[in-house]
N, C-alpha and C. Protein backbone atom coordinates (compact mmCIF):
# COMPACT_ATOMS: atom_id res chain seq x y z
N MET A 1 13.26 -0.50 46.08
CA MET A 1 12.20 -1.32 45.28
C MET A 1 12.53 -0.86 43.84
N THR A 2 12.45 -1.82 43.15
CA THR A 2 12.66 -1.53 41.67
C THR A 2 11.26 -1.62 40.81
N ALA A 3 11.17 -0.88 39.96
CA ALA A 3 9.88 -0.99 39.01
C ALA A 3 10.41 -1.44 37.67
N LEU A 4 9.68 -2.38 37.24
CA LEU A 4 9.87 -2.96 35.91
C LEU A 4 9.14 -2.18 34.81
N ALA A 5 9.80 -1.80 33.84
CA ALA A 5 9.12 -0.91 32.70
C ALA A 5 8.51 -2.09 31.89
N VAL A 6 7.12 -1.93 31.78
CA VAL A 6 6.32 -2.79 30.87
C VAL A 6 6.06 -2.15 29.57
N LYS A 7 6.66 -2.80 28.50
CA LYS A 7 6.50 -2.26 27.25
C LYS A 7 5.03 -2.39 26.67
N GLN A 8 4.45 -1.25 26.28
CA GLN A 8 3.06 -1.23 25.78
C GLN A 8 3.18 -1.79 24.32
N ARG A 9 2.21 -2.64 24.01
CA ARG A 9 2.14 -3.04 22.59
C ARG A 9 1.57 -1.86 21.75
N TYR A 10 2.11 -1.65 20.57
CA TYR A 10 1.57 -0.53 19.70
C TYR A 10 0.24 -0.92 19.16
N ILE A 11 -0.75 -0.11 19.27
CA ILE A 11 -2.16 -0.25 18.84
C ILE A 11 -2.45 0.84 17.82
N GLN A 12 -2.88 0.49 16.55
CA GLN A 12 -3.06 1.40 15.58
C GLN A 12 -4.50 2.10 15.81
N SER A 13 -4.49 3.38 15.55
CA SER A 13 -5.65 4.11 15.61
C SER A 13 -6.61 3.71 14.40
N LEU A 14 -7.56 2.95 14.67
CA LEU A 14 -8.53 2.47 13.59
C LEU A 14 -9.19 3.60 12.72
N PRO A 15 -9.71 4.62 13.47
CA PRO A 15 -10.32 5.69 12.63
C PRO A 15 -9.30 6.51 11.66
N LYS A 16 -8.17 6.69 12.22
CA LYS A 16 -7.17 7.39 11.45
C LYS A 16 -6.68 6.58 10.27
N TYR A 17 -6.58 5.28 10.46
CA TYR A 17 -6.22 4.28 9.40
C TYR A 17 -7.31 4.14 8.35
N LEU A 18 -8.54 4.05 8.81
CA LEU A 18 -9.61 3.95 7.84
C LEU A 18 -9.83 5.21 7.04
N THR A 19 -9.54 6.40 7.64
CA THR A 19 -9.72 7.79 6.96
C THR A 19 -8.60 7.64 5.79
N LEU A 20 -7.37 7.36 6.09
CA LEU A 20 -6.33 7.20 5.16
C LEU A 20 -6.67 6.30 3.95
N CYS A 21 -7.23 5.10 4.32
CA CYS A 21 -7.65 4.17 3.30
C CYS A 21 -8.71 4.58 2.37
N GLU A 22 -9.65 5.42 3.04
CA GLU A 22 -10.76 6.00 2.28
C GLU A 22 -10.09 6.99 1.19
N HIS A 23 -9.11 7.80 1.65
CA HIS A 23 -8.57 8.79 0.68
C HIS A 23 -7.95 8.03 -0.48
N ASN A 24 -7.20 6.94 -0.05
CA ASN A 24 -6.46 6.07 -1.08
C ASN A 24 -7.35 5.46 -2.02
N TYR A 25 -8.55 5.16 -1.58
CA TYR A 25 -9.59 4.49 -2.49
C TYR A 25 -10.00 5.65 -3.59
N LEU A 26 -10.34 6.85 -3.08
CA LEU A 26 -10.72 7.81 -4.06
C LEU A 26 -9.59 8.20 -5.02
N ARG A 27 -8.50 8.26 -4.58
CA ARG A 27 -7.32 8.70 -5.49
C ARG A 27 -6.95 7.59 -6.45
N ALA A 28 -7.06 6.37 -6.03
CA ALA A 28 -6.72 5.13 -6.78
C ALA A 28 -7.80 5.00 -7.86
N LEU A 29 -8.94 5.34 -7.67
CA LEU A 29 -10.09 5.22 -8.76
C LEU A 29 -9.74 5.99 -9.90
N LYS A 30 -9.13 7.20 -9.65
CA LYS A 30 -8.89 8.26 -10.77
C LYS A 30 -7.72 7.64 -11.70
N LEU A 31 -6.87 6.69 -11.16
CA LEU A 31 -5.73 6.20 -11.94
C LEU A 31 -5.91 4.88 -12.63
N LEU A 32 -7.15 4.33 -12.23
CA LEU A 32 -7.32 2.96 -12.91
C LEU A 32 -7.55 3.07 -14.37
N PRO A 33 -7.09 2.00 -15.14
CA PRO A 33 -7.33 1.94 -16.57
C PRO A 33 -8.86 2.15 -16.75
N ASN A 34 -9.18 2.72 -17.99
CA ASN A 34 -10.57 2.94 -18.34
C ASN A 34 -11.38 1.73 -18.37
N GLU A 35 -10.87 0.62 -18.87
CA GLU A 35 -11.51 -0.66 -18.85
C GLU A 35 -11.12 -1.44 -17.56
N ARG A 36 -12.01 -1.56 -16.63
CA ARG A 36 -11.64 -2.09 -15.27
C ARG A 36 -11.87 -3.73 -15.37
N LYS A 37 -11.11 -4.38 -16.20
CA LYS A 37 -11.25 -5.86 -16.10
C LYS A 37 -9.80 -6.37 -15.90
N GLN A 38 -9.72 -7.63 -15.58
CA GLN A 38 -8.44 -8.22 -15.24
C GLN A 38 -7.51 -8.16 -16.47
N GLY A 39 -6.33 -7.73 -16.29
CA GLY A 39 -5.27 -7.53 -17.33
C GLY A 39 -5.31 -6.25 -17.86
N SER A 40 -6.09 -5.45 -17.70
CA SER A 40 -6.16 -3.99 -18.22
C SER A 40 -5.01 -3.21 -17.61
N THR A 41 -4.32 -2.35 -18.34
CA THR A 41 -3.15 -1.76 -17.86
C THR A 41 -3.26 -0.21 -18.26
N ARG A 42 -2.76 0.67 -17.41
CA ARG A 42 -2.69 2.01 -17.74
C ARG A 42 -1.31 2.53 -17.43
N GLN A 43 -0.52 3.34 -18.20
CA GLN A 43 0.78 3.85 -17.82
C GLN A 43 0.64 5.34 -17.54
N VAL A 44 1.42 5.65 -16.49
CA VAL A 44 1.32 7.09 -15.87
C VAL A 44 2.72 7.62 -15.92
N GLN A 45 2.98 8.87 -16.34
CA GLN A 45 4.33 9.44 -16.43
C GLN A 45 4.31 10.45 -15.13
N LEU A 46 5.22 10.27 -14.29
CA LEU A 46 5.47 11.29 -13.21
C LEU A 46 6.82 11.68 -13.23
N GLY A 47 7.12 12.85 -13.75
CA GLY A 47 8.56 13.41 -13.96
C GLY A 47 9.16 12.63 -14.95
N ASN A 48 10.32 12.13 -14.54
CA ASN A 48 11.23 11.14 -15.31
C ASN A 48 10.89 9.68 -15.13
N ASN A 49 9.87 9.42 -14.35
CA ASN A 49 9.42 8.07 -13.89
C ASN A 49 8.16 7.64 -14.66
N ARG A 50 8.18 6.53 -15.03
CA ARG A 50 6.93 5.91 -15.66
C ARG A 50 6.49 4.66 -14.99
N PHE A 51 5.32 4.52 -14.66
CA PHE A 51 4.66 3.51 -13.92
C PHE A 51 3.36 2.90 -14.60
N ALA A 52 3.38 1.59 -14.43
CA ALA A 52 2.18 0.83 -14.91
C ALA A 52 1.31 0.41 -13.85
N ILE A 53 0.03 0.72 -14.03
CA ILE A 53 -1.07 0.32 -13.13
C ILE A 53 -1.91 -0.68 -13.84
N LYS A 54 -1.95 -1.85 -13.27
CA LYS A 54 -2.55 -3.15 -13.90
C LYS A 54 -3.52 -3.67 -12.96
N VAL A 55 -4.75 -4.03 -13.52
CA VAL A 55 -5.78 -4.59 -12.78
C VAL A 55 -5.44 -6.06 -12.83
N ASP A 56 -5.09 -6.60 -11.59
CA ASP A 56 -4.68 -8.13 -11.45
C ASP A 56 -5.81 -9.01 -11.16
N GLY A 57 -6.84 -8.56 -10.54
CA GLY A 57 -8.00 -9.35 -10.33
C GLY A 57 -9.19 -8.66 -9.93
N CYS A 58 -10.36 -9.17 -10.37
CA CYS A 58 -11.57 -8.37 -10.01
C CYS A 58 -12.59 -9.42 -9.39
N ALA A 59 -13.22 -9.07 -8.28
CA ALA A 59 -14.27 -9.84 -7.63
C ALA A 59 -15.47 -8.79 -7.48
N LYS A 60 -16.54 -9.43 -6.83
CA LYS A 60 -17.76 -8.60 -6.74
C LYS A 60 -17.51 -7.32 -5.98
N TYR A 61 -16.66 -7.53 -4.74
CA TYR A 61 -16.60 -6.41 -3.80
C TYR A 61 -15.11 -5.97 -3.78
N THR A 62 -14.24 -6.58 -4.55
CA THR A 62 -12.76 -6.28 -4.34
C THR A 62 -12.12 -6.13 -5.80
N MET A 63 -11.14 -5.40 -5.87
CA MET A 63 -10.17 -5.34 -7.08
C MET A 63 -8.86 -5.32 -6.66
N ASP A 64 -7.88 -6.05 -7.15
CA ASP A 64 -6.44 -5.94 -6.78
C ASP A 64 -5.90 -5.26 -8.01
N ILE A 65 -4.96 -4.31 -7.68
CA ILE A 65 -4.24 -3.57 -8.83
C ILE A 65 -2.71 -3.68 -8.37
N SER A 66 -1.82 -3.70 -9.42
CA SER A 66 -0.39 -3.63 -9.09
C SER A 66 0.13 -2.33 -9.64
N ILE A 67 0.98 -1.66 -8.93
CA ILE A 67 1.66 -0.41 -9.40
C ILE A 67 3.22 -0.83 -9.50
N THR A 68 3.69 -0.75 -10.76
CA THR A 68 5.06 -1.10 -11.10
C THR A 68 5.77 -0.05 -11.67
N GLN A 69 6.99 0.28 -11.14
CA GLN A 69 7.84 1.32 -11.72
C GLN A 69 8.58 0.82 -13.13
N LEU A 70 8.44 1.44 -14.11
CA LEU A 70 8.98 0.95 -15.48
C LEU A 70 10.37 1.60 -15.68
N THR A 71 10.39 2.88 -15.45
CA THR A 71 11.52 3.66 -15.67
C THR A 71 11.96 4.66 -14.70
N GLY A 72 13.17 5.11 -14.64
CA GLY A 72 13.50 6.09 -13.67
C GLY A 72 14.20 5.56 -12.29
N MET A 73 14.51 4.18 -12.27
CA MET A 73 15.11 3.71 -11.21
C MET A 73 16.47 4.17 -11.00
N LEU A 74 16.82 4.34 -9.65
CA LEU A 74 18.14 4.62 -9.35
C LEU A 74 19.06 3.37 -9.23
N LYS A 75 20.34 3.56 -9.58
CA LYS A 75 21.25 2.29 -9.44
C LYS A 75 21.26 1.88 -7.99
N GLY A 76 21.30 0.63 -7.87
CA GLY A 76 21.27 0.04 -6.58
C GLY A 76 19.92 -0.11 -5.85
N PHE A 77 18.88 0.34 -6.46
CA PHE A 77 17.56 0.36 -5.82
C PHE A 77 16.58 -0.52 -6.71
N ASN A 78 15.75 -1.36 -6.08
CA ASN A 78 14.81 -2.14 -6.90
C ASN A 78 13.64 -1.16 -7.34
N PRO A 79 13.08 -1.48 -8.59
CA PRO A 79 11.93 -0.56 -8.77
C PRO A 79 10.71 -0.87 -7.80
N LEU A 80 9.91 0.25 -7.81
CA LEU A 80 8.77 0.18 -6.93
C LEU A 80 7.81 -0.87 -7.36
N PHE A 81 7.27 -1.62 -6.45
CA PHE A 81 6.31 -2.62 -6.79
C PHE A 81 5.24 -2.72 -5.67
N LEU A 82 4.05 -2.34 -5.85
CA LEU A 82 2.93 -2.33 -4.94
C LEU A 82 1.65 -3.12 -5.26
N THR A 83 1.08 -3.91 -4.48
CA THR A 83 -0.10 -4.53 -4.81
C THR A 83 -1.14 -3.89 -3.87
N VAL A 84 -2.25 -3.32 -4.39
CA VAL A 84 -3.30 -2.56 -3.69
C VAL A 84 -4.54 -3.24 -3.88
N ARG A 85 -5.31 -3.48 -2.80
CA ARG A 85 -6.61 -4.06 -2.83
C ARG A 85 -7.61 -3.04 -2.53
N LEU A 86 -8.63 -2.73 -3.46
CA LEU A 86 -9.67 -1.80 -3.40
C LEU A 86 -10.81 -2.69 -2.96
N TYR A 87 -11.53 -2.20 -1.83
CA TYR A 87 -12.74 -2.77 -1.33
C TYR A 87 -13.94 -1.82 -1.72
N HIS A 88 -14.55 -2.27 -2.76
CA HIS A 88 -15.74 -1.40 -3.27
C HIS A 88 -16.74 -1.21 -2.24
N ASP A 89 -17.14 -2.22 -1.52
CA ASP A 89 -18.30 -2.09 -0.52
C ASP A 89 -18.05 -1.03 0.56
N ALA A 90 -16.68 -1.15 1.15
CA ALA A 90 -16.24 -0.26 2.20
C ALA A 90 -15.62 1.01 1.78
N LYS A 91 -15.43 1.13 0.35
CA LYS A 91 -14.71 2.25 -0.25
C LYS A 91 -13.44 2.58 0.40
N VAL A 92 -12.59 1.60 0.52
CA VAL A 92 -11.24 1.73 1.14
C VAL A 92 -10.21 1.04 0.14
N ALA A 93 -8.98 1.49 0.18
CA ALA A 93 -7.92 0.83 -0.41
C ALA A 93 -6.69 0.79 0.35
N GLU A 94 -5.95 -0.42 0.45
CA GLU A 94 -4.87 -0.63 1.18
C GLU A 94 -3.73 -1.45 0.52
N ILE A 95 -2.51 -1.28 0.87
CA ILE A 95 -1.47 -1.99 0.29
C ILE A 95 -1.47 -3.44 1.01
N ILE A 96 -1.54 -4.44 0.03
CA ILE A 96 -1.46 -5.82 0.69
C ILE A 96 -0.11 -6.50 0.38
N HIS A 97 0.72 -6.00 -0.57
CA HIS A 97 2.12 -6.36 -0.80
C HIS A 97 2.91 -5.31 -1.18
N HIS A 98 4.15 -5.28 -0.85
CA HIS A 98 5.00 -4.18 -1.31
C HIS A 98 6.41 -4.96 -1.68
N ASP A 99 6.89 -4.49 -2.78
CA ASP A 99 8.21 -4.94 -3.19
C ASP A 99 8.48 -6.55 -3.02
N TYR A 100 7.38 -7.14 -3.35
CA TYR A 100 7.30 -8.67 -3.29
C TYR A 100 7.28 -9.27 -1.85
N HIS A 101 7.10 -8.45 -0.92
CA HIS A 101 6.97 -8.88 0.58
C HIS A 101 5.48 -9.05 0.77
N GLN A 102 5.01 -10.23 1.21
CA GLN A 102 3.67 -10.48 1.39
C GLN A 102 3.27 -10.39 2.95
N ARG A 103 1.99 -10.18 3.11
CA ARG A 103 1.42 -10.17 4.47
C ARG A 103 1.86 -9.16 5.39
N ILE A 104 1.52 -8.02 5.25
CA ILE A 104 1.93 -6.81 6.25
C ILE A 104 1.13 -6.87 7.36
N LYS A 105 1.66 -7.00 8.46
CA LYS A 105 0.94 -7.16 9.73
C LYS A 105 0.50 -5.64 10.07
N PRO A 106 -0.64 -5.68 10.89
CA PRO A 106 -1.04 -4.21 11.42
C PRO A 106 0.01 -3.64 12.25
N SER A 107 0.79 -4.41 13.06
CA SER A 107 1.81 -3.81 13.92
C SER A 107 2.94 -4.80 14.21
N TYR A 108 4.12 -4.25 14.50
CA TYR A 108 5.20 -5.24 14.80
C TYR A 108 5.80 -4.90 16.09
N GLY A 109 6.27 -5.87 16.85
CA GLY A 109 7.10 -5.76 17.95
C GLY A 109 8.34 -4.90 17.45
N TYR A 110 8.93 -4.16 18.38
CA TYR A 110 10.22 -3.60 17.94
C TYR A 110 11.38 -3.66 19.05
N PRO A 111 12.51 -3.99 18.78
CA PRO A 111 13.02 -4.34 17.44
C PRO A 111 12.55 -5.69 16.89
N ASN A 112 12.77 -6.04 15.71
CA ASN A 112 12.40 -7.25 15.13
C ASN A 112 13.42 -7.59 14.00
N PRO A 113 13.44 -8.91 13.64
CA PRO A 113 14.49 -9.25 12.74
C PRO A 113 14.46 -8.53 11.38
N GLN A 114 13.30 -8.24 10.91
CA GLN A 114 13.22 -7.57 9.53
C GLN A 114 13.37 -6.03 9.70
N MET A 115 13.40 -5.46 10.94
CA MET A 115 13.53 -4.07 11.07
C MET A 115 12.38 -3.27 10.63
N HIS A 116 11.20 -3.86 10.72
CA HIS A 116 9.80 -3.12 10.34
C HIS A 116 9.64 -2.28 11.51
N GLN A 117 8.98 -1.16 11.06
CA GLN A 117 8.59 -0.01 12.06
C GLN A 117 7.32 -0.57 12.82
N LYS A 118 6.96 -0.15 14.00
CA LYS A 118 5.87 -0.55 14.78
C LYS A 118 4.64 -0.35 13.87
N ASP A 119 4.59 0.67 13.23
CA ASP A 119 3.29 0.91 12.42
C ASP A 119 3.62 1.01 10.89
N GLU A 120 4.35 -0.14 10.50
CA GLU A 120 4.69 -0.35 9.12
C GLU A 120 3.55 -0.21 8.18
N LYS A 121 2.43 -0.94 8.60
CA LYS A 121 1.32 -0.96 7.55
C LYS A 121 0.77 0.47 7.45
N TYR A 122 0.69 1.20 8.39
CA TYR A 122 0.19 2.61 8.20
C TYR A 122 1.08 3.41 7.43
N GLN A 123 2.36 3.28 7.65
CA GLN A 123 3.41 4.18 7.04
C GLN A 123 3.43 3.74 5.51
N LEU A 124 3.19 2.48 5.14
CA LEU A 124 3.22 1.99 3.77
C LEU A 124 1.88 2.69 3.07
N ASN A 125 0.82 2.78 3.79
CA ASN A 125 -0.39 3.26 3.23
C ASN A 125 -0.44 4.79 3.10
N ALA A 126 0.26 5.52 4.06
CA ALA A 126 0.65 6.81 3.95
C ALA A 126 1.48 7.24 2.75
N PHE A 127 2.52 6.36 2.49
CA PHE A 127 3.14 6.46 1.26
C PHE A 127 2.39 6.34 0.08
N LEU A 128 1.33 5.40 0.03
CA LEU A 128 0.51 5.32 -1.13
C LEU A 128 -0.25 6.60 -1.26
N TYR A 129 -0.81 7.07 -0.15
CA TYR A 129 -1.53 8.40 -0.20
C TYR A 129 -0.74 9.41 -0.86
N ASP A 130 0.55 9.63 -0.45
CA ASP A 130 1.37 10.58 -1.09
C ASP A 130 1.68 10.38 -2.50
N TRP A 131 1.77 9.11 -2.85
CA TRP A 131 2.22 8.69 -4.21
C TRP A 131 1.00 9.02 -5.18
N LEU A 132 -0.20 8.59 -4.75
CA LEU A 132 -1.47 8.87 -5.47
C LEU A 132 -1.73 10.34 -5.67
């Protein structure tokens, strides 16, 4: 008798993910430009790297900001570009675009053509946590 191995679909731990996004929200608030209206920009120096944090859009309960690397890029690598959405009512922040890739799914089957990790969305937001 042969047993077929059934692959379990990856399921994200929602409490763990929301805790991470709550921490990202608190940290992101500290880096926002003083004037929090669309088009406002603040530059931040981290070592030899300089980043621009720009308010891309404001709504009643959300704010979209972009984080762009201005200097310190390594040859052969694209500069960092992230779009982060802050949800003021839920007090969470998450990456919605990265390096011009749109729509990050909560989980991916593996392997996949783009070689995304199963928990790509969580890993990107963990990177944001470390960066902030």
